Amino acid sequence: MININLNYPYIGFKNESIRIPITFPKQHQDIQPGMEYKMEPLPIFDNPNYIPSDKLKNKVVIISGGDSGIGRAISLLFAKEGADIVICYFNEHEDANYTKRLVENCGRKCLLIPGDLRDPDLSTYITKVTINKFGKIDVLINNCGVQFPQNSILDISNKQLKDTFETNVFSFFYLTKAVLPYLNSNSSIINTTSITAFDGKKNLIDYSATKGAITVFTKSLALSLADKKIRVNAVAPGPIWTPLIPSSFNEDEVEIFGTDVPLKRAGQPFELAPAYLYLASDDSKYVTGQILHVNGGSIV
């Protein structure tokens, strides 16, 4: 069994080989985007019952924010399905190196590229290094993001507004523009948006606005690239237990995080990764411009 801690409520999954927390111990990290290795309990990024079927055999995948949280779960699942992974991340070196070992344990290659994606030159560098290393790019996953809760729009400083949009939206544009010349027909671009793009969130006004922008970016880019047979889709997570949660919410909010959805708990990263796999693989060859909702039952 993995990730077992009997000091808080949990539910079993698949004969209880995985135990999923319903609530969480109070905790907070002061700096975003947060460190996964400091979380209690650790997010569940792997499904040991999963049986691979070579859906991404010999594909090359770039994942921004692939070091931890949702990105780690995607990296591992894609490696199980035969992909080599390029992870661009900010400064979470311990988390990134652990994810690299997970990918390599699946017999696949993993390249780590740290840096600030608010700088457009980094996207150019990531693309150049990937092409030099692997000779191609098949899938791009724009997944990085930050959020800074504020009780009022009056509390959102100009700097916060700029940082949130540059990280959550501009980086998607920069990396997509850099990678696009190397994508071929049947390539896939997948963006991470959020339920907040559809429901809003009163203390995440700027964050929700960026996720709305990503949603429309996805749909518009899909139309733009349809003639090239490059598919563009997005995944809209609900509450998922990732480092962003304890690094952005206070202790009391963390303790009950996710309990307000119909399934009464937060999701775990391994429960989200298969949505990305579907959109990256040939299973979704007739799917573009769509948003997949993985949110514990919330109606959008």
C-alpha atoms as a PDB file:
ATOM      1  CA  MET A   1       0.000   0.000   0.000  1.00  0.00           C
ATOM      2  CA  ILE A   2       1.095   3.601  -0.538  1.00  0.00           C
ATOM      3  CA  ASN A   3       0.522   6.937   1.163  1.00  0.00           C
ATOM      4  CA  ILE A   4      -1.156   5.480   4.263  1.00  0.00           C
ATOM      5  CA  ASN A   5      -1.736   7.650   7.306  1.00  0.00           C
ATOM      6  CA  LEU A   6      -4.515   6.595   9.625  1.00  0.00           C
ATOM      7  CA  ASN A   7      -4.581   9.916  11.493  1.00  0.00           C
ATOM      8  CA  TYR A   8      -7.117  11.430   9.105  1.00  0.00           C
ATOM      9  CA  PRO A   9     -10.152  10.079   7.189  1.00  0.00           C
ATOM     10  CA  TYR A  10      -9.560   8.243   3.929  1.00  0.00           C
ATOM     11  CA  ILE A  11     -11.374   6.087   1.409  1.00  0.00           C
ATOM     12  CA  GLY A  12     -10.121   2.894  -0.224  1.00  0.00           C
ATOM     13  CA  PHE A  13      -9.522   2.480  -3.956  1.00  0.00           C
ATOM     14  CA  LYS A  14      -9.166  -0.815  -5.821  1.00  0.00           C
ATOM     15  CA  ASN A  15      -9.134  -3.161  -2.840  1.00  0.00           C
ATOM     16  CA  GLU A  16      -7.527  -0.385  -0.760  1.00  0.00           C
ATOM     17  CA  SER A  17      -4.182  -0.625  -2.563  1.00  0.00           C
ATOM     18  CA  ILE A  18      -4.474   3.181  -2.548  1.00  0.00           C
ATOM     19  CA  ARG A  19      -5.968   5.156   0.326  1.00  0.00           C
ATOM     20  CA  ILE A  20      -7.238   8.597  -0.592  1.00  0.00           C
ATOM     21  CA  PRO A  21      -7.541  11.288   2.114  1.00  0.00           C
ATOM     22  CA  ILE A  22     -10.880  13.010   2.588  1.00  0.00           C
ATOM     23  CA  THR A  23      -9.509  15.845   4.741  1.00  0.00           C
ATOM     24  CA  PHE A  24      -5.962  17.049   5.369  1.00  0.00           C
ATOM     25  CA  PRO A  25      -3.816  18.092   8.326  1.00  0.00           C
ATOM     26  CA  LYS A  26      -3.454  21.838   8.734  1.00  0.00           C
ATOM     27  CA  GLN A  27      -0.369  23.078   6.889  1.00  0.00           C
ATOM     28  CA  HIS A  28       0.976  26.014   4.922  1.00  0.00           C
ATOM     29  CA  GLN A  29       4.033  26.738   2.782  1.00  0.00           C
ATOM     30  CA  ASP A  30       5.123  30.356   2.479  1.00  0.00           C
ATOM     31  CA  ILE A  31       6.523  30.311  -1.056  1.00  0.00           C
ATOM     32  CA  GLN A  32       4.860  29.353  -4.324  1.00  0.00           C
ATOM     33  CA  PRO A  33       4.715  27.193  -6.331  1.00  0.00           C
ATOM     34  CA  GLY A  34       5.267  24.933  -3.296  1.00  0.00           C
ATOM     35  CA  MET A  35       7.274  21.783  -2.672  1.00  0.00           C
ATOM     36  CA  GLU A  36       5.598  18.405  -2.947  1.00  0.00           C
ATOM     37  CA  TYR A  37       8.072  16.629  -0.670  1.00  0.00           C
ATOM     38  CA  LYS A  38       6.974  18.887   2.209  1.00  0.00           C
ATOM     39  CA  MET A  39       3.268  18.004   1.938  1.00  0.00           C
ATOM     40  CA  GLU A  40       1.388  15.808   4.414  1.00  0.00           C
ATOM     41  CA  PRO A  41       0.081  13.523   3.122  1.00  0.00           C
ATOM     42  CA  LEU A  42       2.056  13.333  -0.093  1.00  0.00           C
ATOM     43  CA  PRO A  43      -0.093  13.610  -3.219  1.00  0.00           C
ATOM     44  CA  ILE A  44      -0.839  10.276  -4.870  1.00  0.00           C
ATOM     45  CA  PHE A  45       0.719  10.438  -8.317  1.00  0.00           C
ATOM     46  CA  ASP A  46       0.775   6.766  -9.304  1.00  0.00           C
ATOM     47  CA  ASN A  47      -1.858   4.092  -9.808  1.00  0.00           C
ATOM     48  CA  PRO A  48      -0.124   0.745  -9.167  1.00  0.00           C
ATOM     49  CA  ASN A  49      -3.048  -1.088 -10.783  1.00  0.00           C
ATOM     50  CA  TYR A  50      -2.543   0.625 -14.138  1.00  0.00           C
ATOM     51  CA  ILE A  51      -1.673  -1.612 -17.107  1.00  0.00           C
ATOM     52  CA  PRO A  52       0.187   0.245 -19.909  1.00  0.00           C
ATOM     53  CA  SER A  53      -0.503  -0.398 -23.590  1.00  0.00           C
ATOM     54  CA  ASP A  54       2.149   1.639 -25.481  1.00  0.00           C
ATOM     55  CA  LYS A  55      -0.259   4.470 -26.326  1.00  0.00           C
ATOM     56  CA  LEU A  56       2.628   6.953 -26.520  1.00  0.00           C
ATOM     57  CA  LYS A  57       5.430   4.666 -27.627  1.00  0.00           C
ATOM     58  CA  ASN A  58       8.542   6.695 -28.554  1.00  0.00           C
ATOM     59  CA  LYS A  59       6.678  10.006 -28.359  1.00  0.00           C
ATOM     60  CA  VAL A  60       8.464  13.112 -27.050  1.00  0.00           C
ATOM     61  CA  VAL A  61       6.470  15.206 -24.599  1.00  0.00           C
ATOM     62  CA  ILE A  62       7.210  18.650 -23.120  1.00  0.00           C
ATOM     63  CA  ILE A  63       5.429  19.383 -19.835  1.00  0.00           C
ATOM     64  CA  SER A  64       5.642  22.744 -18.102  1.00  0.00           C
ATOM     65  CA  GLY A  65       5.279  22.336 -14.372  1.00  0.00           C
ATOM     66  CA  GLY A  66       6.004  18.640 -14.810  1.00  0.00           C
ATOM     67  CA  ASP A  67       8.057  18.303 -11.649  1.00  0.00           C
ATOM     68  CA  SER A  68       5.234  17.790  -9.135  1.00  0.00           C
ATOM     69  CA  GLY A  69       1.489  17.657  -8.591  1.00  0.00           C
ATOM     70  CA  ILE A  70      -0.520  17.091 -11.749  1.00  0.00           C
ATOM     71  CA  GLY A  71       2.638  17.390 -13.853  1.00  0.00           C
ATOM     72  CA  ARG A  72       4.389  14.573 -11.997  1.00  0.00           C
ATOM     73  CA  ALA A  73       1.412  12.255 -12.427  1.00  0.00           C
ATOM     74  CA  ILE A  74       1.311  13.035 -16.149  1.00  0.00           C
ATOM     75  CA  SER A  75       5.060  12.524 -16.520  1.00  0.00           C
ATOM     76  CA  LEU A  76       4.950   9.103 -14.875  1.00  0.00           C
ATOM     77  CA  LEU A  77       1.837   7.893 -16.702  1.00  0.00           C
ATOM     78  CA  PHE A  78       3.193   9.047 -20.064  1.00  0.00           C
ATOM     79  CA  ALA A  79       6.516   7.323 -19.344  1.00  0.00           C
ATOM     80  CA  LYS A  80       4.639   4.107 -18.562  1.00  0.00           C
ATOM     81  CA  GLU A  81       3.002   4.474 -21.974  1.00  0.00           C
ATOM     82  CA  GLY A  82       6.397   4.760 -23.699  1.00  0.00           C
ATOM     83  CA  ALA A  83       7.080   8.512 -23.932  1.00  0.00           C
ATOM     84  CA  ASP A  84      10.287  10.417 -23.275  1.00  0.00           C
ATOM     85  CA  ILE A  85       9.660  13.467 -21.119  1.00  0.00           C
ATOM     86  CA  VAL A  86      11.026  17.014 -21.036  1.00  0.00           C
ATOM     87  CA  ILE A  87      10.101  18.778 -17.799  1.00  0.00           C
ATOM     88  CA  CYS A  88      10.393  22.548 -17.536  1.00  0.00           C
ATOM     89  CA  TYR A  89       9.915  23.831 -14.003  1.00  0.00           C
ATOM     90  CA  PHE A  90      10.711  26.868 -11.858  1.00  0.00           C
ATOM     91  CA  ASN A  91      12.997  25.996  -8.915  1.00  0.00           C
ATOM     92  CA  GLU A  92      11.600  22.828  -7.291  1.00  0.00           C
ATOM     93  CA  HIS A  93      14.809  20.872  -7.859  1.00  0.00           C
ATOM     94  CA  GLU A  94      14.225  18.098  -5.307  1.00  0.00           C
ATOM     95  CA  ASP A  95      10.744  17.382  -6.661  1.00  0.00           C
ATOM     96  CA  ALA A  96      11.972  17.524 -10.261  1.00  0.00           C
ATOM     97  CA  ASN A  97      14.830  15.109  -9.697  1.00  0.00           C
ATOM     98  CA  TYR A  98      12.502  12.630  -8.009  1.00  0.00           C
ATOM     99  CA  THR A  99      10.123  12.792 -10.974  1.00  0.00           C
ATOM    100  CA  LYS A 100      13.075  12.265 -13.303  1.00  0.00           C
ATOM    101  CA  ARG A 101      13.967   9.075 -11.427  1.00  0.00           C
ATOM    102  CA  LEU A 102      10.363   7.868 -11.693  1.00  0.00           C
ATOM    103  CA  VAL A 103      10.405   8.370 -15.472  1.00  0.00           C
ATOM    104  CA  GLU A 104      13.792   6.696 -15.867  1.00  0.00           C
ATOM    105  CA  ASN A 105      12.629   3.746 -13.770  1.00  0.00           C
ATOM    106  CA  CYS A 106      10.091   3.161 -16.550  1.00  0.00           C
ATOM    107  CA  GLY A 107      12.961   2.846 -19.029  1.00  0.00           C
ATOM    108  CA  ARG A 108      12.360   6.267 -20.609  1.00  0.00           C
ATOM    109  CA  LYS A 109      14.512   9.382 -20.890  1.00  0.00           C
ATOM    110  CA  CYS A 110      13.781  12.524 -18.887  1.00  0.00           C
ATOM    111  CA  LEU A 111      15.276  15.975 -19.415  1.00  0.00           C
ATOM    112  CA  LEU A 112      14.972  18.662 -16.728  1.00  0.00           C
ATOM    113  CA  ILE A 113      15.070  22.346 -17.655  1.00  0.00           C
ATOM    114  CA  PRO A 114      14.644  24.820 -14.766  1.00  0.00           C
ATOM    115  CA  GLY A 115      13.818  28.479 -15.273  1.00  0.00           C
ATOM    116  CA  ASP A 116      11.185  31.190 -15.309  1.00  0.00           C
ATOM    117  CA  LEU A 117       8.701  30.739 -18.151  1.00  0.00           C
ATOM    118  CA  ARG A 118       7.700  34.387 -17.877  1.00  0.00           C
ATOM    119  CA  ASP A 119      10.845  34.947 -19.941  1.00  0.00           C
ATOM    120  CA  PRO A 120      10.025  34.109 -23.593  1.00  0.00           C
ATOM    121  CA  ASP A 121      13.677  33.236 -24.275  1.00  0.00           C
ATOM    122  CA  LEU A 122      13.339  30.207 -21.991  1.00  0.00           C
ATOM    123  CA  SER A 123      10.677  28.700 -24.255  1.00  0.00           C
ATOM    124  CA  THR A 124      13.015  29.096 -27.223  1.00  0.00           C
ATOM    125  CA  TYR A 125      15.784  27.417 -25.246  1.00  0.00           C
ATOM    126  CA  ILE A 126      13.537  24.535 -24.112  1.00  0.00           C
ATOM    127  CA  THR A 127      12.526  23.868 -27.710  1.00  0.00           C
ATOM    128  CA  LYS A 128      16.096  24.001 -28.994  1.00  0.00           C
ATOM    129  CA  VAL A 129      17.394  21.631 -26.311  1.00  0.00           C
ATOM    130  CA  THR A 130      14.518  19.199 -26.900  1.00  0.00           C
ATOM    131  CA  ILE A 131      15.096  19.076 -30.653  1.00  0.00           C
ATOM    132  CA  ASN A 132      18.845  18.642 -30.155  1.00  0.00           C
ATOM    133  CA  LYS A 133      18.248  15.793 -27.694  1.00  0.00           C
ATOM    134  CA  PHE A 134      15.324  13.935 -29.282  1.00  0.00           C
ATOM    135  CA  GLY A 135      14.968  15.313 -32.799  1.00  0.00           C
ATOM    136  CA  LYS A 136      11.229  15.901 -32.538  1.00  0.00           C
ATOM    137  CA  ILE A 137       8.309  17.051 -30.371  1.00  0.00           C
ATOM    138  CA  ASP A 138       4.978  15.214 -30.398  1.00  0.00           C
ATOM    139  CA  VAL A 139       3.028  16.595 -27.452  1.00  0.00           C
ATOM    140  CA  LEU A 140       3.093  19.900 -25.580  1.00  0.00           C
ATOM    141  CA  ILE A 141       1.412  20.214 -22.194  1.00  0.00           C
ATOM    142  CA  ASN A 142       1.088  23.747 -20.825  1.00  0.00           C
ATOM    143  CA  ASN A 143       0.558  23.082 -17.145  1.00  0.00           C
ATOM    144  CA  CYS A 144       2.390  25.651 -15.006  1.00  0.00           C
ATOM    145  CA  GLY A 145       0.472  28.079 -12.830  1.00  0.00           C
ATOM    146  CA  VAL A 146       0.283  30.199  -9.679  1.00  0.00           C
ATOM    147  CA  GLN A 147      -2.550  31.584  -7.581  1.00  0.00           C
ATOM    148  CA  PHE A 148      -2.575  34.238  -4.856  1.00  0.00           C
ATOM    149  CA  PRO A 149      -5.905  34.397  -2.988  1.00  0.00           C
ATOM    150  CA  GLN A 150      -7.193  37.858  -2.052  1.00  0.00           C
ATOM    151  CA  ASN A 151     -10.471  38.750  -0.389  1.00  0.00           C
ATOM    152  CA  SER A 152     -11.075  41.749  -2.660  1.00  0.00           C
ATOM    153  CA  ILE A 153     -10.036  42.918  -6.102  1.00  0.00           C
ATOM    154  CA  LEU A 154      -8.723  45.994  -4.258  1.00  0.00           C
ATOM    155  CA  ASP A 155      -6.131  43.769  -2.607  1.00  0.00           C
ATOM    156  CA  ILE A 156      -4.737  42.506  -5.935  1.00  0.00           C
ATOM    157  CA  SER A 157      -1.621  44.576  -6.560  1.00  0.00           C
ATOM    158  CA  ASN A 158      -0.494  45.466 -10.045  1.00  0.00           C
ATOM    159  CA  LYS A 159       2.547  43.241  -9.503  1.00  0.00           C
ATOM    160  CA  GLN A 160       0.383  40.263  -8.509  1.00  0.00           C
ATOM    161  CA  LEU A 161      -1.872  40.790 -11.519  1.00  0.00           C
ATOM    162  CA  LYS A 162       1.131  40.904 -13.836  1.00  0.00           C
ATOM    163  CA  ASP A 163       2.809  37.866 -12.246  1.00  0.00           C
ATOM    164  CA  THR A 164      -0.362  35.777 -12.409  1.00  0.00           C
ATOM    165  CA  PHE A 165      -1.068  36.549 -16.057  1.00  0.00           C
ATOM    166  CA  GLU A 166       2.567  36.221 -17.136  1.00  0.00           C
ATOM    167  CA  THR A 167       2.892  32.810 -15.459  1.00  0.00           C
ATOM    168  CA  ASN A 168      -0.526  31.373 -16.257  1.00  0.00           C
ATOM    169  CA  VAL A 169      -1.212  32.816 -19.718  1.00  0.00           C
ATOM    170  CA  PHE A 170       1.846  34.409 -21.308  1.00  0.00           C
ATOM    171  CA  SER A 171       3.964  31.302 -20.705  1.00  0.00           C
ATOM    172  CA  PHE A 172       1.380  29.210 -22.619  1.00  0.00           C
ATOM    173  CA  PHE A 173       1.685  31.579 -25.582  1.00  0.00           C
ATOM    174  CA  TYR A 174       5.488  31.663 -25.421  1.00  0.00           C
ATOM    175  CA  LEU A 175       5.969  27.898 -25.233  1.00  0.00           C
ATOM    176  CA  THR A 176       3.321  27.156 -27.852  1.00  0.00           C
ATOM    177  CA  LYS A 177       4.858  29.653 -30.282  1.00  0.00           C
ATOM    178  CA  ALA A 178       8.325  28.169 -29.764  1.00  0.00           C
ATOM    179  CA  VAL A 179       7.226  24.548 -30.169  1.00  0.00           C
ATOM    180  CA  LEU A 180       4.659  24.932 -32.953  1.00  0.00           C
ATOM    181  CA  PRO A 181       7.104  24.977 -35.923  1.00  0.00           C
ATOM    182  CA  TYR A 182       8.276  21.489 -34.887  1.00  0.00           C
ATOM    183  CA  LEU A 183       4.851  19.890 -34.480  1.00  0.00           C
ATOM    184  CA  ASN A 184       3.449  17.663 -37.213  1.00  0.00           C
ATOM    185  CA  SER A 185      -0.020  16.424 -38.074  1.00  0.00           C
ATOM    186  CA  ASN A 186      -1.402  14.278 -35.257  1.00  0.00           C
ATOM    187  CA  SER A 187       0.584  16.269 -32.700  1.00  0.00           C
ATOM    188  CA  SER A 188      -1.294  17.399 -29.624  1.00  0.00           C
ATOM    189  CA  ILE A 189      -1.298  20.507 -27.437  1.00  0.00           C
ATOM    190  CA  ILE A 190      -2.980  20.182 -24.046  1.00  0.00           C
ATOM    191  CA  ASN A 191      -3.564  23.107 -21.692  1.00  0.00           C
ATOM    192  CA  THR A 192      -4.437  23.011 -18.011  1.00  0.00           C
ATOM    193  CA  THR A 193      -7.339  25.326 -17.265  1.00  0.00           C
ATOM    194  CA  SER A 194      -9.591  25.082 -14.175  1.00  0.00           C
ATOM    195  CA  ILE A 195     -13.139  24.795 -12.930  1.00  0.00           C
ATOM    196  CA  THR A 196     -12.724  28.430 -11.860  1.00  0.00           C
ATOM    197  CA  ALA A 197     -12.880  29.418 -15.548  1.00  0.00           C
ATOM    198  CA  PHE A 198     -16.522  28.291 -15.487  1.00  0.00           C
ATOM    199  CA  ASP A 199     -17.654  28.803 -11.890  1.00  0.00           C
ATOM    200  CA  GLY A 200     -15.402  31.658 -10.820  1.00  0.00           C
ATOM    201  CA  LYS A 201     -13.909  31.938  -7.332  1.00  0.00           C
ATOM    202  CA  LYS A 202     -14.492  35.015  -5.206  1.00  0.00           C
ATOM    203  CA  ASN A 203     -11.014  35.042  -3.638  1.00  0.00           C
ATOM    204  CA  LEU A 204      -9.198  34.044  -6.864  1.00  0.00           C
ATOM    205  CA  ILE A 205     -10.366  36.746  -9.254  1.00  0.00           C
ATOM    206  CA  ASP A 206      -7.129  37.162 -11.207  1.00  0.00           C
ATOM    207  CA  TYR A 207      -6.401  33.427 -11.243  1.00  0.00           C
ATOM    208  CA  SER A 208      -9.912  32.633 -12.494  1.00  0.00           C
ATOM    209  CA  ALA A 209      -9.517  35.270 -15.202  1.00  0.00           C
ATOM    210  CA  THR A 210      -6.321  33.599 -16.421  1.00  0.00           C
ATOM    211  CA  LYS A 211      -8.053  30.237 -16.565  1.00  0.00           C
ATOM    212  CA  GLY A 212     -10.871  31.773 -18.580  1.00  0.00           C
ATOM    213  CA  ALA A 213      -8.243  33.118 -20.953  1.00  0.00           C
ATOM    214  CA  ILE A 214      -6.656  29.657 -21.250  1.00  0.00           C
ATOM    215  CA  THR A 215     -10.041  28.116 -22.048  1.00  0.00           C
ATOM    216  CA  VAL A 216     -10.681  30.513 -24.934  1.00  0.00           C
ATOM    217  CA  PHE A 217      -7.027  30.279 -26.017  1.00  0.00           C
ATOM    218  CA  THR A 218      -7.548  26.529 -26.321  1.00  0.00           C
ATOM    219  CA  LYS A 219     -10.671  26.816 -28.438  1.00  0.00           C
ATOM    220  CA  SER A 220      -9.260  29.540 -30.697  1.00  0.00           C
ATOM    221  CA  LEU A 221      -5.924  27.796 -31.210  1.00  0.00           C
ATOM    222  CA  ALA A 222      -7.753  24.567 -32.060  1.00  0.00           C
ATOM    223  CA  LEU A 223      -9.589  26.362 -34.853  1.00  0.00           C
ATOM    224  CA  SER A 224      -6.353  27.941 -36.051  1.00  0.00           C
ATOM    225  CA  LEU A 225      -4.475  24.638 -36.229  1.00  0.00           C
ATOM    226  CA  ALA A 226      -7.264  22.352 -37.463  1.00  0.00           C
ATOM    227  CA  ASP A 227      -6.040  22.495 -41.065  1.00  0.00           C
ATOM    228  CA  LYS A 228      -2.615  21.326 -39.881  1.00  0.00           C
ATOM    229  CA  LYS A 229      -4.264  18.382 -38.066  1.00  0.00           C
ATOM    230  CA  ILE A 230      -2.723  19.527 -34.787  1.00  0.00           C
ATOM    231  CA  ARG A 231      -5.240  18.989 -31.996  1.00  0.00           C
ATOM    232  CA  VAL A 232      -5.602  21.463 -29.126  1.00  0.00           C
ATOM    233  CA  ASN A 233      -7.595  20.601 -26.007  1.00  0.00           C
ATOM    234  CA  ALA A 234      -7.613  21.335 -22.289  1.00  0.00           C
ATOM    235  CA  VAL A 235      -8.294  19.700 -18.955  1.00  0.00           C
ATOM    236  CA  ALA A 236     -10.230  21.635 -16.310  1.00  0.00           C
ATOM    237  CA  PRO A 237      -9.403  20.231 -12.874  1.00  0.00           C
ATOM    238  CA  GLY A 238     -11.535  20.790  -9.834  1.00  0.00           C
ATOM    239  CA  PRO A 239      -9.869  20.674  -6.403  1.00  0.00           C
ATOM    240  CA  ILE A 240      -6.720  18.534  -6.728  1.00  0.00           C
ATOM    241  CA  TRP A 241      -4.204  17.921  -3.910  1.00  0.00           C
ATOM    242  CA  THR A 242      -1.030  19.539  -5.273  1.00  0.00           C
ATOM    243  CA  PRO A 243       1.737  21.781  -3.855  1.00  0.00           C
ATOM    244  CA  LEU A 244      -0.198  24.835  -5.059  1.00  0.00           C
ATOM    245  CA  ILE A 245      -2.801  24.216  -2.351  1.00  0.00           C
ATOM    246  CA  PRO A 246      -0.742  24.480   0.871  1.00  0.00           C
ATOM    247  CA  SER A 247       1.418  27.195  -0.725  1.00  0.00           C
ATOM    248  CA  SER A 248      -1.550  29.447  -1.514  1.00  0.00           C
ATOM    249  CA  PHE A 249      -4.339  28.722   1.008  1.00  0.00           C
ATOM    250  CA  ASN A 250      -4.257  29.130   4.789  1.00  0.00           C
ATOM    251  CA  GLU A 251      -4.215  26.187   7.205  1.00  0.00           C
ATOM    252  CA  ASP A 252      -7.947  26.176   7.867  1.00  0.00           C
ATOM    253  CA  GLU A 253      -8.740  26.185   4.128  1.00  0.00           C
ATOM    254  CA  VAL A 254      -6.273  23.357   3.501  1.00  0.00           C
ATOM    255  CA  GLU A 255      -7.863  21.179   6.187  1.00  0.00           C
ATOM    256  CA  ILE A 256     -11.231  21.067   4.365  1.00  0.00           C
ATOM    257  CA  PHE A 257      -9.926  21.492   0.819  1.00  0.00           C
ATOM    258  CA  GLY A 258     -12.156  19.766  -1.754  1.00  0.00           C
ATOM    259  CA  THR A 259     -14.948  18.728   0.597  1.00  0.00           C
ATOM    260  CA  ASP A 260     -17.461  21.089  -1.051  1.00  0.00           C
ATOM    261  CA  VAL A 261     -17.778  19.108  -4.322  1.00  0.00           C
ATOM    262  CA  PRO A 262     -20.417  16.359  -4.802  1.00  0.00           C
ATOM    263  CA  LEU A 263     -17.876  13.582  -4.162  1.00  0.00           C
ATOM    264  CA  LYS A 264     -16.942  15.330  -0.891  1.00  0.00           C
ATOM    265  CA  ARG A 265     -13.167  15.160  -1.300  1.00  0.00           C
ATOM    266  CA  ALA A 266     -10.255  16.561  -3.264  1.00  0.00           C
ATOM    267  CA  GLY A 267      -8.955  14.601  -6.211  1.00  0.00           C
ATOM    268  CA  GLN A 268      -5.461  13.164  -6.390  1.00  0.00           C
ATOM    269  CA  PRO A 269      -3.080  13.786  -9.317  1.00  0.00           C
ATOM    270  CA  PHE A 270      -3.193  10.155 -10.489  1.00  0.00           C
ATOM    271  CA  GLU A 271      -6.956  10.517 -10.996  1.00  0.00           C
ATOM    272  CA  LEU A 272      -6.401  13.408 -13.394  1.00  0.00           C
ATOM    273  CA  ALA A 273      -3.485  12.150 -15.499  1.00  0.00           C
ATOM    274  CA  PRO A 274      -5.552   9.720 -17.647  1.00  0.00           C
ATOM    275  CA  ALA A 275      -7.509  12.682 -19.066  1.00  0.00           C
ATOM    276  CA  TYR A 276      -4.256  14.068 -20.444  1.00  0.00           C
ATOM    277  CA  LEU A 277      -3.291  10.644 -21.770  1.00  0.00           C
ATOM    278  CA  TYR A 278      -6.572  10.411 -23.654  1.00  0.00           C
ATOM    279  CA  LEU A 279      -5.994  13.801 -25.270  1.00  0.00           C
ATOM    280  CA  ALA A 280      -2.360  13.015 -26.124  1.00  0.00           C
ATOM    281  CA  SER A 281      -3.007   9.609 -27.665  1.00  0.00           C
ATOM    282  CA  ASP A 282      -4.697   8.408 -30.849  1.00  0.00           C
ATOM    283  CA  ASP A 283      -7.792   7.625 -28.778  1.00  0.00           C
ATOM    284  CA  SER A 284      -8.779  11.286 -29.255  1.00  0.00           C
ATOM    285  CA  LYS A 285      -7.919  11.748 -32.940  1.00  0.00           C
ATOM    286  CA  TYR A 286     -11.406  13.229 -33.538  1.00  0.00           C
ATOM    287  CA  VAL A 287     -11.249  15.566 -30.548  1.00  0.00           C
ATOM    288  CA  THR A 288     -10.063  19.177 -30.699  1.00  0.00           C
ATOM    289  CA  GLY A 289     -11.109  22.447 -29.089  1.00  0.00           C
ATOM    290  CA  GLN A 290     -12.619  20.569 -26.131  1.00  0.00           C
ATOM    291  CA  ILE A 291     -12.377  20.934 -22.360  1.00  0.00           C
ATOM    292  CA  LEU A 292     -12.390  17.770 -20.213  1.00  0.00           C
ATOM    293  CA  HIS A 293     -13.765  18.347 -16.719  1.00  0.00           C
ATOM    294  CA  VAL A 294     -12.302  16.300 -13.870  1.00  0.00           C
ATOM    295  CA  ASN A 295     -13.806  17.937 -10.817  1.00  0.00           C
ATOM    296  CA  GLY A 296     -15.502  15.542  -8.423  1.00  0.00           C
ATOM    297  CA  GLY A 297     -18.972  16.025  -9.853  1.00  0.00           C
ATOM    298  CA  SER A 298     -19.363  19.799 -10.059  1.00  0.00           C
ATOM    299  CA  ILE A 299     -21.735  20.811 -12.840  1.00  0.00           C
ATOM    300  CA  VAL A 300     -20.348  23.421 -15.241  1.00  0.00           C
END
